[in-house]
Amino acid sequence: MEDLTGLKRRVQYYHDILQNTIAYREEWITHLKGRIIDCLTQMGEESGLDLEIETKGELQNLEAIQCSLGQGKSGILQKVSDEFSRPLIKHKGSLIYQQLFNGKIMVMITYPYIEGYGEPQPPKTVAIYRPEELKDPFFVRHMEDFIKEVTKWEDYDDDDSQPINRIGFNVSLPEPEPAE
């Protein structure tokens, strides 16, 4: 029989990963979930953001914390008849911390959308973290990224504020600025 050193190493790594999943799930329950909720609540209070924070827990070990800007009238009315119009509802976007099957945490942003007006944009995955990697500065950065994304959505137009970086033939490089 061949040397099984490589196989044994892979099996040990596999068992380590399974133990990590158990530890990550325990960390979520005992500390991380509460800390995320506390950080989001504090950021909302101190920044003046009206946040709706709720835990979605239909499946154990696949919970999510949804931090939403809520929903309301979009300002767009759908004519139902000559006499009546119905307001279209706007969902204002969410920052989500979702447990994955392996106990790691996926951070996502869902974009605003208006019911009955186009399709919602797919969520943006910010990152996937091990519980011990999520430190307080990350929560602030996630919230800033979330607000930046929903602000861009709200201010949508066809202005391209970012220059397109082109690569290939027949693409001239920008002229260097003269030295002073």
N, C-alpha and C. Protein backbone atom coordinates (compact mmCIF):
# COMPACT_ATOMS: atom_id res chain seq x y z
N MET A 1 0.85 -1.19 0.00
CA MET A 1 0.00 0.00 0.00
C MET A 1 0.89 1.25 0.00
N GLU A 2 0.42 2.26 -0.70
CA GLU A 2 1.18 3.51 -0.80
C GLU A 2 1.19 4.25 0.53
N ASP A 3 2.06 5.23 0.60
CA ASP A 3 2.15 6.09 1.77
C ASP A 3 0.86 6.90 1.90
N LEU A 4 0.26 6.89 3.07
CA LEU A 4 -1.02 7.58 3.29
C LEU A 4 -0.86 8.91 4.02
N THR A 5 0.33 9.43 4.06
CA THR A 5 0.57 10.68 4.79
C THR A 5 -0.30 11.81 4.25
N GLY A 6 -0.35 11.97 2.93
CA GLY A 6 -1.17 13.02 2.32
C GLY A 6 -2.64 12.84 2.64
N LEU A 7 -3.13 11.62 2.54
CA LEU A 7 -4.53 11.34 2.85
C LEU A 7 -4.83 11.64 4.31
N LYS A 8 -3.95 11.21 5.21
CA LYS A 8 -4.17 11.45 6.64
C LYS A 8 -4.21 12.95 6.93
N ARG A 9 -3.36 13.71 6.27
CA ARG A 9 -3.33 15.16 6.46
C ARG A 9 -4.65 15.77 5.99
N ARG A 10 -5.15 15.30 4.85
CA ARG A 10 -6.42 15.82 4.33
C ARG A 10 -7.59 15.46 5.25
N VAL A 11 -7.58 14.25 5.78
CA VAL A 11 -8.64 13.82 6.70
C VAL A 11 -8.60 14.67 7.97
N GLN A 12 -7.41 14.93 8.50
CA GLN A 12 -7.29 15.76 9.69
C GLN A 12 -7.80 17.17 9.41
N TYR A 13 -7.47 17.72 8.26
CA TYR A 13 -7.94 19.05 7.88
C TYR A 13 -9.46 19.06 7.78
N TYR A 14 -10.04 18.02 7.20
CA TYR A 14 -11.49 17.89 7.10
C TYR A 14 -12.13 17.90 8.48
N HIS A 15 -11.57 17.13 9.42
CA HIS A 15 -12.11 17.11 10.78
C HIS A 15 -11.96 18.47 11.46
N ASP A 16 -10.87 19.15 11.21
CA ASP A 16 -10.68 20.50 11.75
C ASP A 16 -11.75 21.45 11.24
N ILE A 17 -12.07 21.36 9.95
CA ILE A 17 -13.09 22.22 9.36
C ILE A 17 -14.45 21.94 9.99
N LEU A 18 -14.78 20.67 10.20
CA LEU A 18 -16.06 20.33 10.84
C LEU A 18 -16.12 20.89 12.26
N GLN A 19 -15.02 20.84 13.00
CA GLN A 19 -14.98 21.42 14.35
C GLN A 19 -15.13 22.94 14.29
N ASN A 20 -14.53 23.56 13.29
CA ASN A 20 -14.67 25.01 13.12
C ASN A 20 -16.13 25.39 12.93
N THR A 21 -16.86 24.62 12.14
CA THR A 21 -18.27 24.90 11.92
C THR A 21 -19.03 24.91 13.23
N ILE A 22 -18.78 23.93 14.08
CA ILE A 22 -19.44 23.86 15.39
C ILE A 22 -19.07 25.08 16.23
N ALA A 23 -17.79 25.43 16.25
CA ALA A 23 -17.32 26.58 17.03
C ALA A 23 -17.91 27.88 16.50
N TYR A 24 -17.98 28.05 15.18
CA TYR A 24 -18.53 29.27 14.59
C TYR A 24 -20.01 29.43 14.94
N ARG A 25 -20.74 28.33 14.89
CA ARG A 25 -22.17 28.39 15.23
C ARG A 25 -22.37 28.76 16.69
N GLU A 26 -21.54 28.21 17.55
CA GLU A 26 -21.62 28.53 18.98
C GLU A 26 -21.29 30.00 19.22
N GLU A 27 -20.30 30.51 18.54
CA GLU A 27 -19.91 31.93 18.67
C GLU A 27 -21.05 32.84 18.22
N TRP A 28 -21.74 32.48 17.16
CA TRP A 28 -22.88 33.26 16.69
C TRP A 28 -23.94 33.35 17.78
N ILE A 29 -24.26 32.21 18.37
CA ILE A 29 -25.32 32.15 19.38
C ILE A 29 -24.93 32.93 20.64
N THR A 30 -23.71 32.72 21.12
CA THR A 30 -23.32 33.27 22.42
C THR A 30 -22.89 34.73 22.38
N HIS A 31 -22.29 35.18 21.27
CA HIS A 31 -21.74 36.54 21.26
C HIS A 31 -22.06 37.35 20.01
N LEU A 32 -21.77 36.79 18.86
CA LEU A 32 -21.73 37.58 17.64
C LEU A 32 -23.09 38.18 17.26
N LYS A 33 -24.15 37.40 17.34
CA LYS A 33 -25.46 37.90 16.96
C LYS A 33 -25.83 39.13 17.78
N GLY A 34 -25.66 39.07 19.08
CA GLY A 34 -25.96 40.21 19.94
C GLY A 34 -25.06 41.41 19.66
N ARG A 35 -23.78 41.14 19.39
CA ARG A 35 -22.84 42.23 19.12
C ARG A 35 -23.19 42.94 17.81
N ILE A 36 -23.57 42.18 16.80
CA ILE A 36 -23.95 42.79 15.53
C ILE A 36 -25.18 43.68 15.73
N ILE A 37 -26.18 43.17 16.42
CA ILE A 37 -27.40 43.94 16.66
C ILE A 37 -27.08 45.21 17.44
N ASP A 38 -26.24 45.09 18.48
CA ASP A 38 -25.86 46.26 19.28
C ASP A 38 -25.13 47.30 18.44
N CYS A 39 -24.18 46.86 17.61
CA CYS A 39 -23.41 47.79 16.76
C CYS A 39 -24.32 48.50 15.76
N LEU A 40 -25.20 47.74 15.12
CA LEU A 40 -26.11 48.34 14.14
C LEU A 40 -27.05 49.34 14.81
N THR A 41 -27.56 48.98 15.98
CA THR A 41 -28.46 49.87 16.71
C THR A 41 -27.74 51.16 17.08
N GLN A 42 -26.53 51.04 17.60
CA GLN A 42 -25.75 52.22 18.00
C GLN A 42 -25.45 53.11 16.79
N MET A 43 -25.06 52.51 15.67
CA MET A 43 -24.77 53.31 14.48
C MET A 43 -26.01 54.06 14.01
N GLY A 44 -27.16 53.40 14.05
CA GLY A 44 -28.40 54.05 13.65
C GLY A 44 -28.72 55.23 14.55
N GLU A 45 -28.60 55.03 15.85
CA GLU A 45 -28.91 56.10 16.81
C GLU A 45 -27.95 57.27 16.66
N GLU A 46 -26.66 56.99 16.56
CA GLU A 46 -25.66 58.06 16.52
C GLU A 46 -25.62 58.79 15.18
N SER A 47 -26.02 58.12 14.10
CA SER A 47 -25.96 58.75 12.78
C SER A 47 -27.28 59.38 12.36
N GLY A 48 -28.35 59.06 13.09
CA GLY A 48 -29.66 59.58 12.72
C GLY A 48 -30.38 58.75 11.67
N LEU A 49 -29.86 57.55 11.41
CA LEU A 49 -30.53 56.65 10.46
C LEU A 49 -31.67 55.94 11.17
N ASP A 50 -32.82 55.90 10.53
CA ASP A 50 -33.97 55.17 11.07
C ASP A 50 -33.89 53.73 10.55
N LEU A 51 -33.33 52.84 11.36
CA LEU A 51 -33.08 51.46 10.95
C LEU A 51 -34.12 50.52 11.55
N GLU A 52 -34.49 49.52 10.77
CA GLU A 52 -35.32 48.43 11.27
C GLU A 52 -34.44 47.19 11.31
N ILE A 53 -34.17 46.70 12.51
CA ILE A 53 -33.27 45.56 12.68
C ILE A 53 -34.08 44.37 13.17
N GLU A 54 -34.00 43.28 12.42
CA GLU A 54 -34.72 42.08 12.85
C GLU A 54 -33.89 40.84 12.54
N THR A 55 -34.13 39.81 13.36
CA THR A 55 -33.46 38.53 13.17
C THR A 55 -34.41 37.60 12.44
N LYS A 56 -33.91 36.99 11.38
CA LYS A 56 -34.67 35.99 10.62
C LYS A 56 -34.13 34.64 11.05
N GLY A 57 -34.97 33.84 11.67
CA GLY A 57 -34.47 32.58 12.21
C GLY A 57 -35.34 31.38 11.94
N GLU A 58 -35.85 31.27 10.73
CA GLU A 58 -36.71 30.13 10.40
C GLU A 58 -35.94 28.82 10.45
N LEU A 59 -34.64 28.87 10.12
CA LEU A 59 -33.80 27.67 10.14
C LEU A 59 -32.68 27.87 11.16
N GLN A 60 -32.59 26.96 12.10
CA GLN A 60 -31.53 27.03 13.10
C GLN A 60 -30.18 26.90 12.41
N ASN A 61 -29.22 27.68 12.85
CA ASN A 61 -27.86 27.74 12.31
C ASN A 61 -27.79 28.32 10.90
N LEU A 62 -28.87 28.91 10.44
CA LEU A 62 -28.87 29.68 9.20
C LEU A 62 -29.59 31.01 9.42
N GLU A 63 -29.40 31.57 10.59
CA GLU A 63 -30.08 32.82 10.92
C GLU A 63 -29.48 33.98 10.14
N ALA A 64 -30.24 35.06 10.09
CA ALA A 64 -29.76 36.29 9.45
C ALA A 64 -30.21 37.47 10.28
N ILE A 65 -29.40 38.50 10.29
CA ILE A 65 -29.77 39.78 10.87
C ILE A 65 -29.96 40.73 9.70
N GLN A 66 -31.16 41.27 9.60
CA GLN A 66 -31.48 42.19 8.50
C GLN A 66 -31.63 43.58 9.06
N CYS A 67 -30.80 44.48 8.59
CA CYS A 67 -30.84 45.89 8.97
C CYS A 67 -31.37 46.66 7.77
N SER A 68 -32.61 47.10 7.87
CA SER A 68 -33.31 47.67 6.73
C SER A 68 -33.59 49.15 6.93
N LEU A 69 -33.65 49.87 5.83
CA LEU A 69 -34.09 51.26 5.87
C LEU A 69 -35.61 51.34 5.77
N GLY A 70 -36.27 50.19 5.74
CA GLY A 70 -37.72 50.13 5.76
C GLY A 70 -38.33 50.18 4.37
N GLN A 71 -39.60 50.49 4.36
CA GLN A 71 -40.34 50.60 3.11
C GLN A 71 -41.35 51.71 3.25
N GLY A 72 -41.83 52.19 2.14
CA GLY A 72 -42.81 53.27 2.16
C GLY A 72 -43.31 53.55 0.76
N LYS A 73 -44.10 54.58 0.64
CA LYS A 73 -44.62 54.97 -0.67
C LYS A 73 -43.46 55.46 -1.53
N SER A 74 -43.48 55.06 -2.78
CA SER A 74 -42.41 55.45 -3.70
C SER A 74 -42.64 56.81 -4.33
N GLY A 75 -43.86 57.31 -4.25
CA GLY A 75 -44.20 58.54 -4.95
C GLY A 75 -44.75 58.26 -6.35
N ILE A 76 -44.73 57.01 -6.74
CA ILE A 76 -45.27 56.59 -8.04
C ILE A 76 -46.65 55.99 -7.81
N LEU A 77 -47.61 56.42 -8.60
CA LEU A 77 -48.98 55.92 -8.46
C LEU A 77 -49.37 55.13 -9.70
N GLN A 78 -50.00 53.98 -9.47
CA GLN A 78 -50.52 53.17 -10.55
C GLN A 78 -52.01 53.46 -10.68
N LYS A 79 -52.41 53.86 -11.88
CA LYS A 79 -53.81 54.18 -12.10
C LYS A 79 -54.61 52.88 -12.14
N VAL A 80 -55.56 52.74 -11.23
CA VAL A 80 -56.41 51.55 -11.15
C VAL A 80 -57.68 51.77 -11.96
N SER A 81 -58.22 52.96 -11.87
CA SER A 81 -59.41 53.35 -12.64
C SER A 81 -59.35 54.86 -12.81
N ASP A 82 -60.37 55.43 -13.42
CA ASP A 82 -60.39 56.89 -13.59
C ASP A 82 -60.44 57.60 -12.24
N GLU A 83 -60.96 56.93 -11.24
CA GLU A 83 -61.12 57.56 -9.93
C GLU A 83 -60.04 57.20 -8.93
N PHE A 84 -59.38 56.06 -9.13
CA PHE A 84 -58.47 55.57 -8.10
C PHE A 84 -57.07 55.30 -8.64
N SER A 85 -56.11 55.58 -7.77
CA SER A 85 -54.71 55.25 -8.03
C SER A 85 -54.16 54.53 -6.81
N ARG A 86 -53.20 53.68 -7.06
CA ARG A 86 -52.60 52.92 -5.97
C ARG A 86 -51.11 53.25 -5.91
N PRO A 87 -50.61 53.59 -4.70
CA PRO A 87 -49.17 53.89 -4.60
C PRO A 87 -48.34 52.61 -4.72
N LEU A 88 -47.21 52.71 -5.42
CA LEU A 88 -46.27 51.61 -5.49
C LEU A 88 -45.33 51.70 -4.28
N ILE A 89 -45.07 50.58 -3.66
CA ILE A 89 -44.26 50.52 -2.45
C ILE A 89 -42.78 50.41 -2.80
N LYS A 90 -41.97 51.20 -2.11
CA LYS A 90 -40.52 51.13 -2.29
C LYS A 90 -39.89 50.49 -1.07
N HIS A 91 -39.10 49.45 -1.31
CA HIS A 91 -38.26 48.84 -0.28
C HIS A 91 -36.92 49.55 -0.37
N LYS A 92 -36.46 50.08 0.75
CA LYS A 92 -35.34 51.03 0.72
C LYS A 92 -33.96 50.41 0.83
N GLY A 93 -33.87 49.09 0.90
CA GLY A 93 -32.57 48.42 0.94
C GLY A 93 -32.23 47.89 2.32
N SER A 94 -31.33 46.90 2.36
CA SER A 94 -30.95 46.25 3.61
C SER A 94 -29.47 45.89 3.62
N LEU A 95 -28.93 45.87 4.83
CA LEU A 95 -27.61 45.32 5.11
C LEU A 95 -27.87 44.04 5.88
N ILE A 96 -27.34 42.92 5.39
CA ILE A 96 -27.68 41.61 5.96
C ILE A 96 -26.42 40.88 6.40
N TYR A 97 -26.48 40.31 7.60
CA TYR A 97 -25.45 39.41 8.13
C TYR A 97 -26.09 38.04 8.20
N GLN A 98 -25.67 37.13 7.33
CA GLN A 98 -26.31 35.82 7.16
C GLN A 98 -25.35 34.70 7.55
N GLN A 99 -25.80 33.83 8.46
CA GLN A 99 -25.02 32.63 8.77
C GLN A 99 -25.04 31.71 7.56
N LEU A 100 -23.90 31.16 7.22
CA LEU A 100 -23.83 30.17 6.16
C LEU A 100 -23.88 28.77 6.76
N PHE A 101 -24.00 27.76 5.93
CA PHE A 101 -24.09 26.37 6.37
C PHE A 101 -22.88 25.95 7.19
N ASN A 102 -21.74 26.60 6.98
CA ASN A 102 -20.51 26.22 7.68
C ASN A 102 -20.20 27.14 8.87
N GLY A 103 -21.16 27.98 9.25
CA GLY A 103 -20.99 28.84 10.41
C GLY A 103 -20.33 30.17 10.12
N LYS A 104 -19.79 30.34 8.93
CA LYS A 104 -19.20 31.63 8.57
C LYS A 104 -20.32 32.62 8.30
N ILE A 105 -19.97 33.90 8.24
CA ILE A 105 -20.96 34.95 8.10
C ILE A 105 -20.78 35.65 6.76
N MET A 106 -21.85 35.67 5.97
CA MET A 106 -21.84 36.40 4.70
C MET A 106 -22.52 37.74 4.92
N VAL A 107 -21.86 38.80 4.48
CA VAL A 107 -22.42 40.15 4.57
C VAL A 107 -22.89 40.54 3.17
N MET A 108 -24.15 40.98 3.08
CA MET A 108 -24.74 41.33 1.79
C MET A 108 -25.48 42.66 1.88
N ILE A 109 -25.62 43.28 0.73
CA ILE A 109 -26.43 44.49 0.60
C ILE A 109 -27.53 44.18 -0.40
N THR A 110 -28.79 44.43 0.00
CA THR A 110 -29.88 44.37 -0.97
C THR A 110 -30.22 45.80 -1.34
N TYR A 111 -30.42 46.01 -2.61
CA TYR A 111 -30.67 47.35 -3.13
C TYR A 111 -32.13 47.72 -3.00
N PRO A 112 -32.41 49.01 -2.97
CA PRO A 112 -33.81 49.43 -2.99
C PRO A 112 -34.49 48.94 -4.27
N TYR A 113 -35.79 48.79 -4.20
CA TYR A 113 -36.57 48.49 -5.39
C TYR A 113 -38.00 48.91 -5.16
N ILE A 114 -38.70 49.12 -6.26
CA ILE A 114 -40.09 49.54 -6.22
C ILE A 114 -40.94 48.38 -6.73
N GLU A 115 -41.88 47.93 -5.88
CA GLU A 115 -42.75 46.82 -6.28
C GLU A 115 -43.52 47.18 -7.54
N GLY A 116 -43.55 46.27 -8.49
CA GLY A 116 -44.30 46.49 -9.71
C GLY A 116 -43.59 47.37 -10.73
N TYR A 117 -42.34 47.73 -10.46
CA TYR A 117 -41.58 48.58 -11.38
C TYR A 117 -40.21 47.94 -11.60
N GLY A 118 -40.10 47.14 -12.62
CA GLY A 118 -38.84 46.47 -12.92
C GLY A 118 -38.54 45.36 -11.93
N GLU A 119 -37.37 44.79 -12.09
CA GLU A 119 -36.91 43.71 -11.23
C GLU A 119 -35.89 44.24 -10.22
N PRO A 120 -35.91 43.72 -9.00
CA PRO A 120 -34.88 44.13 -8.04
C PRO A 120 -33.49 43.73 -8.53
N GLN A 121 -32.54 44.58 -8.23
CA GLN A 121 -31.14 44.28 -8.55
C GLN A 121 -30.68 43.12 -7.66
N PRO A 122 -29.82 42.23 -8.16
CA PRO A 122 -29.33 41.15 -7.30
C PRO A 122 -28.55 41.72 -6.12
N PRO A 123 -28.56 41.04 -4.97
CA PRO A 123 -27.81 41.55 -3.82
C PRO A 123 -26.31 41.57 -4.09
N LYS A 124 -25.65 42.48 -3.42
CA LYS A 124 -24.18 42.57 -3.51
C LYS A 124 -23.60 41.82 -2.32
N THR A 125 -22.73 40.86 -2.58
CA THR A 125 -22.02 40.19 -1.50
C THR A 125 -20.81 41.04 -1.15
N VAL A 126 -20.76 41.50 0.10
CA VAL A 126 -19.65 42.33 0.56
C VAL A 126 -18.45 41.45 0.85
N ALA A 127 -18.66 40.40 1.67
CA ALA A 127 -17.58 39.49 2.03
C ALA A 127 -18.14 38.35 2.86
N ILE A 128 -17.31 37.33 3.05
CA ILE A 128 -17.62 36.21 3.95
C ILE A 128 -16.53 36.17 5.00
N TYR A 129 -16.95 36.09 6.28
CA TYR A 129 -16.02 36.17 7.40
C TYR A 129 -16.17 34.98 8.33
N ARG A 130 -15.07 34.63 8.98
CA ARG A 130 -15.14 33.77 10.16
C ARG A 130 -15.58 34.68 11.30
N PRO A 131 -16.32 34.18 12.27
CA PRO A 131 -16.81 35.05 13.34
C PRO A 131 -15.72 35.88 14.02
N GLU A 132 -14.55 35.30 14.24
CA GLU A 132 -13.51 36.05 14.95
C GLU A 132 -12.93 37.19 14.10
N GLU A 133 -13.19 37.18 12.80
CA GLU A 133 -12.69 38.24 11.93
C GLU A 133 -13.55 39.49 11.97
N LEU A 134 -14.79 39.37 12.41
CA LEU A 134 -15.71 40.51 12.42
C LEU A 134 -15.46 41.39 13.64
N LYS A 135 -14.72 42.46 13.44
CA LYS A 135 -14.42 43.44 14.49
C LYS A 135 -15.28 44.68 14.26
N ASP A 136 -15.41 45.50 15.30
CA ASP A 136 -16.28 46.68 15.22
C ASP A 136 -16.01 47.59 14.01
N PRO A 137 -14.75 47.86 13.66
CA PRO A 137 -14.53 48.72 12.48
C PRO A 137 -15.14 48.16 11.19
N PHE A 138 -15.25 46.84 11.09
CA PHE A 138 -15.87 46.24 9.91
C PHE A 138 -17.34 46.63 9.82
N PHE A 139 -18.04 46.66 10.96
CA PHE A 139 -19.46 46.99 10.95
C PHE A 139 -19.66 48.42 10.42
N VAL A 140 -18.79 49.33 10.84
CA VAL A 140 -18.87 50.72 10.36
C VAL A 140 -18.62 50.76 8.86
N ARG A 141 -17.60 50.05 8.40
CA ARG A 141 -17.29 50.03 6.97
C ARG A 141 -18.45 49.43 6.17
N HIS A 142 -19.06 48.37 6.69
CA HIS A 142 -20.21 47.76 6.01
C HIS A 142 -21.36 48.76 5.90
N MET A 143 -21.63 49.49 6.99
CA MET A 143 -22.72 50.46 6.98
C MET A 143 -22.42 51.59 6.00
N GLU A 144 -21.18 52.04 5.98
CA GLU A 144 -20.80 53.10 5.03
C GLU A 144 -20.99 52.61 3.59
N ASP A 145 -20.57 51.39 3.32
CA ASP A 145 -20.72 50.81 1.99
C ASP A 145 -22.20 50.68 1.63
N PHE A 146 -23.00 50.24 2.57
CA PHE A 146 -24.44 50.12 2.37
C PHE A 146 -25.06 51.47 2.01
N ILE A 147 -24.75 52.50 2.79
CA ILE A 147 -25.32 53.82 2.54
C ILE A 147 -24.83 54.36 1.20
N LYS A 148 -23.57 54.11 0.87
CA LYS A 148 -23.03 54.54 -0.43
C LYS A 148 -23.81 53.88 -1.57
N GLU A 149 -24.07 52.58 -1.45
CA GLU A 149 -24.77 51.84 -2.52
C GLU A 149 -26.22 52.30 -2.67
N VAL A 150 -26.94 52.48 -1.57
CA VAL A 150 -28.34 52.90 -1.70
C VAL A 150 -28.42 54.35 -2.17
N THR A 151 -27.45 55.17 -1.80
CA THR A 151 -27.42 56.55 -2.28
C THR A 151 -27.19 56.58 -3.78
N LYS A 152 -26.28 55.73 -4.28
CA LYS A 152 -26.06 55.64 -5.73
C LYS A 152 -27.35 55.19 -6.42
N TRP A 153 -28.06 54.26 -5.82
CA TRP A 153 -29.32 53.79 -6.42
C TRP A 153 -30.33 54.93 -6.48
N GLU A 154 -30.46 55.66 -5.39
CA GLU A 154 -31.42 56.76 -5.32
C GLU A 154 -31.07 57.88 -6.30
N ASP A 155 -29.78 58.07 -6.56
CA ASP A 155 -29.32 59.17 -7.41
C ASP A 155 -29.00 58.69 -8.82
N TYR A 156 -29.60 57.59 -9.23
CA TYR A 156 -29.29 56.96 -10.52
C TYR A 156 -29.50 57.92 -11.69
N ASP A 157 -28.52 57.94 -12.58
CA ASP A 157 -28.65 58.56 -13.89
C ASP A 157 -27.57 57.95 -14.78
N ASP A 158 -27.46 58.45 -15.98
CA ASP A 158 -26.49 57.84 -16.89
C ASP A 158 -25.14 58.54 -16.88
N ASP A 159 -24.94 59.46 -15.95
CA ASP A 159 -23.62 60.09 -15.83
C ASP A 159 -22.63 59.05 -15.37
N ASP A 160 -21.51 59.00 -16.04
CA ASP A 160 -20.46 58.06 -15.66
C ASP A 160 -19.38 58.84 -14.95
N SER A 161 -19.39 58.79 -13.64
CA SER A 161 -18.42 59.56 -12.87
C SER A 161 -17.06 58.88 -12.82
N GLN A 162 -17.01 57.61 -13.18
CA GLN A 162 -15.75 56.86 -13.15
C GLN A 162 -15.25 56.70 -14.58
N PRO A 163 -14.01 57.07 -14.85
CA PRO A 163 -13.49 56.83 -16.19
C PRO A 163 -13.35 55.34 -16.45
N ILE A 164 -13.60 54.94 -17.68
CA ILE A 164 -13.48 53.53 -18.04
C ILE A 164 -12.01 53.23 -18.28
N ASN A 165 -11.50 52.22 -17.64
CA ASN A 165 -10.13 51.79 -17.86
C ASN A 165 -10.13 50.81 -19.02
N ARG A 166 -9.56 51.23 -20.13
CA ARG A 166 -9.55 50.38 -21.32
C ARG A 166 -8.18 49.75 -21.47
N ILE A 167 -8.21 48.53 -21.91
CA ILE A 167 -6.98 47.79 -22.16
C ILE A 167 -7.06 47.25 -23.57
N GLY A 168 -5.99 47.37 -24.34
CA GLY A 168 -6.00 46.78 -25.67
C GLY A 168 -5.35 47.67 -26.70
N PHE A 169 -5.51 47.26 -27.97
CA PHE A 169 -4.92 48.00 -29.08
C PHE A 169 -5.71 49.28 -29.33
N ASN A 170 -5.07 50.24 -29.94
CA ASN A 170 -5.68 51.52 -30.31
C ASN A 170 -6.23 52.28 -29.11
N VAL A 171 -5.65 52.07 -27.97
CA VAL A 171 -6.04 52.81 -26.78
C VAL A 171 -4.85 53.67 -26.40
N SER A 172 -5.05 54.96 -26.44
CA SER A 172 -3.92 55.83 -26.13
C SER A 172 -3.85 56.05 -24.62
N LEU A 173 -2.65 56.15 -24.16
CA LEU A 173 -2.43 56.41 -22.75
C LEU A 173 -2.59 57.90 -22.48
N PRO A 174 -2.99 58.27 -21.28
CA PRO A 174 -3.11 59.70 -20.98
C PRO A 174 -1.74 60.36 -21.04
N GLU A 175 -1.75 61.59 -21.48
CA GLU A 175 -0.51 62.35 -21.56
C GLU A 175 0.01 62.61 -20.14
N PRO A 176 1.32 62.42 -19.93
CA PRO A 176 1.86 62.72 -18.60
C PRO A 176 1.80 64.21 -18.33
N GLU A 177 1.56 64.55 -17.09
CA GLU A 177 1.52 65.96 -16.71
C GLU A 177 2.94 66.50 -16.68
N PRO A 178 3.12 67.74 -17.15
CA PRO A 178 4.48 68.31 -17.16
C PRO A 178 4.99 68.50 -15.74
N ALA A 179 6.27 68.27 -15.57
CA ALA A 179 6.89 68.47 -14.26
C ALA A 179 7.03 69.95 -13.99
N GLU A 180 6.81 70.35 -12.79
CA GLU A 180 6.91 71.76 -12.43
C GLU A 180 8.23 72.09 -11.82
